[in-house]
Amino acid sequence: MDHIEEKIAHLERTVDDLSTIVATQQSEIDRLTRHVAMLMRREAERDADGTGGVVVGDERPPHY
């Protein structure tokens, strides 16, 4: 019986640890999703303003 209780305690700790990890990952995913959305808006505004650079075929970059 002690062996089973020990295993259950171990499994409960593992579940708690994994729950914390999942919550942390979800927070990071939410933050990154907001960041990507902001970058997409910024890029869309730049495209609308016409200030975005367009690379044409085999044109050499200005640093050559």
C-alpha atoms as a PDB file:
ATOM      1  CA  MET A   1       0.000   0.000   0.000  1.00  0.00           C
ATOM      2  CA  ASP A   2       2.850   2.392   0.801  1.00  0.00           C
ATOM      3  CA  HIS A   3       4.299   1.781  -2.647  1.00  0.00           C
ATOM      4  CA  ILE A   4       1.022   2.821  -4.311  1.00  0.00           C
ATOM      5  CA  GLU A   5       0.737   5.954  -2.169  1.00  0.00           C
ATOM      6  CA  GLU A   6       4.310   6.861  -3.081  1.00  0.00           C
ATOM      7  CA  LYS A   7       3.571   6.456  -6.791  1.00  0.00           C
ATOM      8  CA  ILE A   8       0.401   8.553  -6.493  1.00  0.00           C
ATOM      9  CA  ALA A   9       2.316  11.323  -4.726  1.00  0.00           C
ATOM     10  CA  HIS A  10       4.941  11.252  -7.448  1.00  0.00           C
ATOM     11  CA  LEU A  11       2.286  11.376 -10.185  1.00  0.00           C
ATOM     12  CA  GLU A  12       0.493  14.273  -8.468  1.00  0.00           C
ATOM     13  CA  ARG A  13       3.746  16.234  -8.316  1.00  0.00           C
ATOM     14  CA  THR A  14       4.408  15.499 -11.993  1.00  0.00           C
ATOM     15  CA  VAL A  15       0.913  16.656 -12.938  1.00  0.00           C
ATOM     16  CA  ASP A  16       1.360  19.893 -10.952  1.00  0.00           C
ATOM     17  CA  ASP A  17       4.749  20.521 -12.587  1.00  0.00           C
ATOM     18  CA  LEU A  18       3.339  19.908 -16.053  1.00  0.00           C
ATOM     19  CA  SER A  19       0.372  22.157 -15.333  1.00  0.00           C
ATOM     20  CA  THR A  20       2.740  24.983 -14.415  1.00  0.00           C
ATOM     21  CA  ILE A  21       4.758  24.420 -17.585  1.00  0.00           C
ATOM     22  CA  VAL A  22       1.639  24.438 -19.768  1.00  0.00           C
ATOM     23  CA  ALA A  23       0.388  27.661 -18.155  1.00  0.00           C
ATOM     24  CA  THR A  24       3.775  29.310 -18.726  1.00  0.00           C
ATOM     25  CA  GLN A  25       3.842  28.178 -22.348  1.00  0.00           C
ATOM     26  CA  GLN A  26       0.316  29.501 -22.917  1.00  0.00           C
ATOM     27  CA  SER A  27       1.336  32.907 -21.569  1.00  0.00           C
ATOM     28  CA  GLU A  28       4.327  32.928 -23.918  1.00  0.00           C
ATOM     29  CA  ILE A  29       2.164  31.887 -26.879  1.00  0.00           C
ATOM     30  CA  ASP A  30      -0.304  34.684 -26.095  1.00  0.00           C
ATOM     31  CA  ARG A  31       2.526  37.234 -25.864  1.00  0.00           C
ATOM     32  CA  LEU A  32       4.081  36.060 -29.136  1.00  0.00           C
ATOM     33  CA  THR A  33       0.688  36.069 -30.879  1.00  0.00           C
ATOM     34  CA  ARG A  34       0.152  39.699 -29.866  1.00  0.00           C
ATOM     35  CA  HIS A  35       3.661  40.556 -31.043  1.00  0.00           C
ATOM     36  CA  VAL A  36       3.127  38.898 -34.445  1.00  0.00           C
ATOM     37  CA  ALA A  37      -0.212  40.689 -34.853  1.00  0.00           C
ATOM     38  CA  MET A  38       1.488  44.026 -34.087  1.00  0.00           C
ATOM     39  CA  LEU A  39       4.242  43.296 -36.625  1.00  0.00           C
ATOM     40  CA  MET A  40       1.673  42.300 -39.245  1.00  0.00           C
ATOM     41  CA  ARG A  41      -0.225  45.564 -38.690  1.00  0.00           C
ATOM     42  CA  ARG A  42       3.007  47.547 -38.906  1.00  0.00           C
ATOM     43  CA  GLU A  43       3.999  45.801 -42.151  1.00  0.00           C
ATOM     44  CA  ALA A  44       0.524  46.339 -43.627  1.00  0.00           C
ATOM     45  CA  GLU A  45       0.772  50.052 -42.804  1.00  0.00           C
ATOM     46  CA  ARG A  46       4.210  50.222 -44.393  1.00  0.00           C
ATOM     47  CA  ASP A  47       2.902  48.502 -47.533  1.00  0.00           C
ATOM     48  CA  ALA A  48      -0.042  50.896 -47.649  1.00  0.00           C
ATOM     49  CA  ASP A  49       2.289  53.897 -47.327  1.00  0.00           C
ATOM     50  CA  GLY A  50       4.517  52.560 -50.071  1.00  0.00           C
ATOM     51  CA  THR A  51       7.653  52.699 -47.926  1.00  0.00           C
ATOM     52  CA  GLY A  52       8.256  48.957 -48.041  1.00  0.00           C
ATOM     53  CA  GLY A  53      11.173  47.917 -50.225  1.00  0.00           C
ATOM     54  CA  VAL A  54      10.557  45.652 -53.186  1.00  0.00           C
ATOM     55  CA  VAL A  55      13.369  43.455 -54.483  1.00  0.00           C
ATOM     56  CA  VAL A  56      13.282  43.174 -58.251  1.00  0.00           C
ATOM     57  CA  GLY A  57      14.542  39.922 -59.774  1.00  0.00           C
ATOM     58  CA  ASP A  58      18.328  39.813 -59.866  1.00  0.00           C
ATOM     59  CA  GLU A  59      18.880  43.441 -58.850  1.00  0.00           C
ATOM     60  CA  ARG A  60      22.003  43.804 -56.710  1.00  0.00           C
ATOM     61  CA  PRO A  61      21.524  45.168 -53.194  1.00  0.00           C
ATOM     62  CA  PRO A  62      22.841  48.703 -52.593  1.00  0.00           C
ATOM     63  CA  HIS A  63      25.791  47.482 -50.505  1.00  0.00           C
ATOM     64  CA  TYR A  64      27.495  45.877 -53.568  1.00  0.00           C
END
